[in-house]
Amino acid sequence: MSSVSDLFAKAPAVPLAEALRPATLDEVIGQPHLLGAGKPLRLAFEARKLHSLILWGPPGVGKTTLARLMVDAFDAEFVALSAVFSGVKDIREAVARAEATVAQTGRATILFVDEVHRFNKAQQDAFLPYVESGLLTLVGATTENPSFEVISALLSRASVYVLNPLSDDEMGCCSRGPAGVRCKD
């Protein structure tokens, strides 16, 4: 019989969500209205047309995954900030990094702001000129309606994409799950 400590000794080094994160756009489950053939985000990826955008949807629907997939698809530098823990100083550092990247490699920089709705007006204003100039491509992720939480100047420079909750089918749910557990009918 194994002990509890043996159980934790076998725990993966990375969180499960990270270990299962899709590596390509074709591995992403759900969001057919955005990622299906001929749909807006699919077309942007295929055409390699990077543009500022805000991904709005509930937790666990792929907002961060889509942002990370853009790095390879658009051959861009990736700077990630969490609006919960970041401030204007962090935005300035991201701008400096983007300026260095474009000077050294000519590559674009994606500024991924998780929980973008948590940045106040002054913080959002701090990166607005760099989004306007094209130095930064903003990819914001939010669970809140961006119309009420993101300043209008940023909204006018970004496309807003609504991500839907995953369906039972997309989650791989069946009438009889593992160990006899029933999923929603």
Protein backbone atom coordinates (compact mmCIF):
# COMPACT_ATOMS: atom_id res chain seq x y z
CA MET A 1 0.00 0.00 0.00
CA SER A 2 1.47 3.37 -1.00
CA SER A 3 1.60 6.30 1.34
CA VAL A 4 0.18 9.74 0.76
CA SER A 5 3.70 11.12 0.31
CA ASP A 6 4.22 8.66 -2.59
CA LEU A 7 1.15 10.14 -4.26
CA PHE A 8 2.57 13.64 -4.18
CA ALA A 9 6.03 12.50 -5.21
CA LYS A 10 4.52 11.48 -8.56
CA ALA A 11 2.79 14.82 -9.14
CA PRO A 12 3.67 16.46 -12.47
CA ALA A 13 6.18 19.32 -12.46
CA VAL A 14 3.76 21.60 -14.31
CA PRO A 15 0.10 22.33 -13.60
CA LEU A 16 -2.35 20.05 -15.42
CA ALA A 17 -3.82 22.94 -17.44
CA GLU A 18 -0.35 23.82 -18.70
CA ALA A 19 0.51 20.21 -19.51
CA LEU A 20 -2.72 19.83 -21.52
CA ARG A 21 -2.54 23.23 -23.25
CA PRO A 22 -2.91 22.86 -27.05
CA ALA A 23 0.29 23.37 -29.03
CA THR A 24 -1.42 24.25 -32.31
CA LEU A 25 -4.58 26.01 -33.38
CA ASP A 26 -5.99 22.72 -34.69
CA GLU A 27 -5.71 21.22 -31.19
CA VAL A 28 -7.93 23.93 -29.66
CA ILE A 29 -11.34 22.60 -28.66
CA GLY A 30 -14.40 24.80 -29.01
CA GLN A 31 -14.91 28.30 -30.36
CA PRO A 32 -15.95 27.20 -33.88
CA HIS A 33 -17.50 30.66 -34.45
CA LEU A 34 -13.96 32.11 -34.20
CA LEU A 35 -11.67 29.24 -35.19
CA GLY A 36 -13.66 27.30 -37.78
CA ALA A 37 -12.86 27.46 -41.48
CA GLY A 38 -13.38 30.99 -42.77
CA LYS A 39 -13.95 32.43 -39.28
CA PRO A 40 -12.21 35.59 -37.98
CA LEU A 41 -9.42 34.24 -35.79
CA ARG A 42 -8.72 31.29 -38.11
CA LEU A 43 -8.35 33.74 -41.01
CA ALA A 44 -6.04 36.00 -38.99
CA PHE A 45 -3.81 33.06 -38.06
CA GLU A 46 -3.74 31.72 -41.63
CA ALA A 47 -3.01 35.14 -43.15
CA ARG A 48 -0.49 35.92 -40.37
CA LYS A 49 -2.33 39.20 -39.75
CA LEU A 50 -1.52 40.26 -36.22
CA HIS A 51 -3.93 42.79 -34.73
CA SER A 52 -4.86 44.02 -31.27
CA LEU A 53 -7.73 42.13 -29.73
CA ILE A 54 -9.59 41.46 -26.54
CA LEU A 55 -10.72 37.94 -25.73
CA TRP A 56 -13.82 38.00 -23.55
CA GLY A 57 -15.21 34.86 -21.96
CA PRO A 58 -15.52 32.76 -18.83
CA PRO A 59 -12.52 31.04 -17.25
CA GLY A 60 -11.19 27.95 -19.00
CA VAL A 61 -12.33 28.64 -22.56
CA GLY A 62 -8.92 29.24 -24.15
CA LYS A 63 -8.12 32.95 -23.84
CA THR A 64 -4.55 32.42 -22.64
CA THR A 65 -4.03 29.50 -25.00
CA LEU A 66 -5.00 31.58 -28.03
CA ALA A 67 -2.64 34.37 -26.93
CA ARG A 68 0.25 31.92 -26.58
CA LEU A 69 -0.47 30.33 -29.95
CA MET A 70 -0.13 33.76 -31.55
CA VAL A 71 3.54 33.92 -30.58
CA ASP A 72 4.53 31.12 -32.96
CA ALA A 73 1.91 31.87 -35.59
CA PHE A 74 3.00 35.49 -35.91
CA ASP A 75 6.69 35.01 -35.00
CA ALA A 76 6.33 37.62 -32.28
CA GLU A 77 7.91 38.38 -28.94
CA PHE A 78 5.56 37.64 -26.03
CA VAL A 79 5.28 39.79 -22.94
CA ALA A 80 2.70 38.68 -20.40
CA LEU A 81 1.31 40.83 -17.62
CA SER A 82 -1.36 40.11 -15.07
CA ALA A 83 -3.39 43.22 -14.36
CA VAL A 84 -3.87 41.88 -10.85
CA PHE A 85 -0.15 42.10 -10.06
CA SER A 86 1.19 44.68 -12.56
CA GLY A 87 1.34 48.43 -12.69
CA VAL A 88 2.65 51.28 -14.83
CA LYS A 89 6.26 50.31 -14.05
CA ASP A 90 5.65 46.87 -15.56
CA ILE A 91 4.06 48.45 -18.63
CA ARG A 92 7.13 50.69 -19.07
CA GLU A 93 9.38 47.62 -18.85
CA ALA A 94 7.25 45.87 -21.49
CA VAL A 95 7.57 48.91 -23.76
CA ALA A 96 11.37 48.98 -23.29
CA ARG A 97 11.54 45.28 -24.11
CA ALA A 98 9.40 45.79 -27.23
CA GLU A 99 11.63 48.68 -28.37
CA ALA A 100 14.74 46.53 -27.90
CA THR A 101 13.16 43.59 -29.73
CA VAL A 102 12.12 45.62 -32.75
CA ALA A 103 15.54 47.32 -32.89
CA GLN A 104 17.45 44.03 -32.67
CA THR A 105 15.24 41.63 -34.62
CA GLY A 106 12.45 43.61 -36.27
CA ARG A 107 9.93 41.27 -34.60
CA ALA A 108 6.60 42.51 -33.29
CA THR A 109 5.73 42.26 -29.59
CA ILE A 110 2.46 40.86 -28.29
CA LEU A 111 1.54 42.36 -24.93
CA PHE A 112 -0.75 39.84 -23.29
CA VAL A 113 -2.67 41.40 -20.41
CA ASP A 114 -4.55 38.82 -18.38
CA GLU A 115 -7.52 40.24 -16.48
CA VAL A 116 -7.19 43.47 -18.51
CA HIS A 117 -10.43 44.72 -16.93
CA ARG A 118 -8.52 45.14 -13.65
CA PHE A 119 -6.23 47.85 -15.02
CA ASN A 120 -7.52 51.29 -14.11
CA LYS A 121 -7.85 54.11 -16.65
CA ALA A 122 -4.35 55.49 -15.98
CA GLN A 123 -2.79 52.06 -16.42
CA GLN A 124 -4.67 51.48 -19.67
CA ASP A 125 -3.68 54.96 -20.85
CA ALA A 126 -0.02 54.08 -20.18
CA PHE A 127 0.18 51.56 -23.02
CA LEU A 128 -2.33 53.19 -25.37
CA PRO A 129 0.27 55.25 -27.33
CA TYR A 130 2.32 52.10 -27.97
CA VAL A 131 -0.70 50.20 -29.21
CA GLU A 132 -1.56 53.19 -31.44
CA SER A 133 1.97 53.33 -32.88
CA GLY A 134 2.08 49.58 -33.48
CA LEU A 135 5.02 48.97 -31.15
CA LEU A 136 2.77 46.73 -29.04
CA THR A 137 -0.02 44.48 -30.21
CA LEU A 138 -2.44 44.18 -27.32
CA VAL A 139 -4.05 40.86 -26.56
CA GLY A 140 -6.26 41.36 -23.54
CA ALA A 141 -8.10 38.60 -21.73
CA THR A 142 -11.13 39.37 -19.61
CA THR A 143 -14.06 37.70 -17.96
CA GLU A 144 -15.89 41.04 -17.73
CA ASN A 145 -17.70 42.92 -20.48
CA PRO A 146 -14.94 45.05 -22.04
CA SER A 147 -17.45 47.72 -23.05
CA PHE A 148 -17.69 48.69 -19.38
CA GLU A 149 -14.15 47.89 -18.20
CA VAL A 150 -11.77 48.85 -21.02
CA ILE A 151 -11.27 52.47 -22.05
CA SER A 152 -12.93 53.43 -25.31
CA ALA A 153 -9.62 54.47 -26.91
CA LEU A 154 -8.29 50.91 -26.52
CA LEU A 155 -11.58 49.37 -27.59
CA SER A 156 -11.51 51.42 -30.79
CA ARG A 157 -8.08 49.97 -31.62
CA ALA A 158 -8.87 46.34 -30.87
CA SER A 159 -11.26 43.69 -32.06
CA VAL A 160 -13.35 42.09 -29.32
CA TYR A 161 -13.91 38.36 -29.63
CA VAL A 162 -16.41 36.58 -27.40
CA LEU A 163 -15.41 33.09 -26.34
CA ASN A 164 -18.20 30.73 -25.32
CA PRO A 165 -18.24 28.13 -22.57
CA LEU A 166 -17.29 24.67 -23.82
CA SER A 167 -20.21 22.32 -24.41
CA ASP A 168 -20.46 18.92 -22.78
CA ASP A 169 -19.46 17.34 -26.11
CA GLU A 170 -16.41 19.59 -26.36
CA MET A 171 -15.47 18.66 -22.80
CA GLY A 172 -15.65 15.00 -23.79
CA CYS A 173 -18.60 14.42 -21.51
CA CYS A 174 -20.66 11.32 -22.04
CA SER A 175 -23.63 9.71 -20.34
CA ARG A 176 -21.31 7.52 -18.31
CA GLY A 177 -17.96 9.01 -17.33
CA PRO A 178 -15.01 7.42 -15.51
CA ALA A 179 -15.87 5.15 -12.60
CA GLY A 180 -19.57 5.38 -13.43
CA VAL A 181 -19.86 9.11 -12.73
CA ARG A 182 -22.71 10.62 -14.71
CA CYS A 183 -22.18 13.82 -16.64
CA LYS A 184 -24.95 16.33 -17.31
CA ASP A 185 -27.60 14.97 -19.68
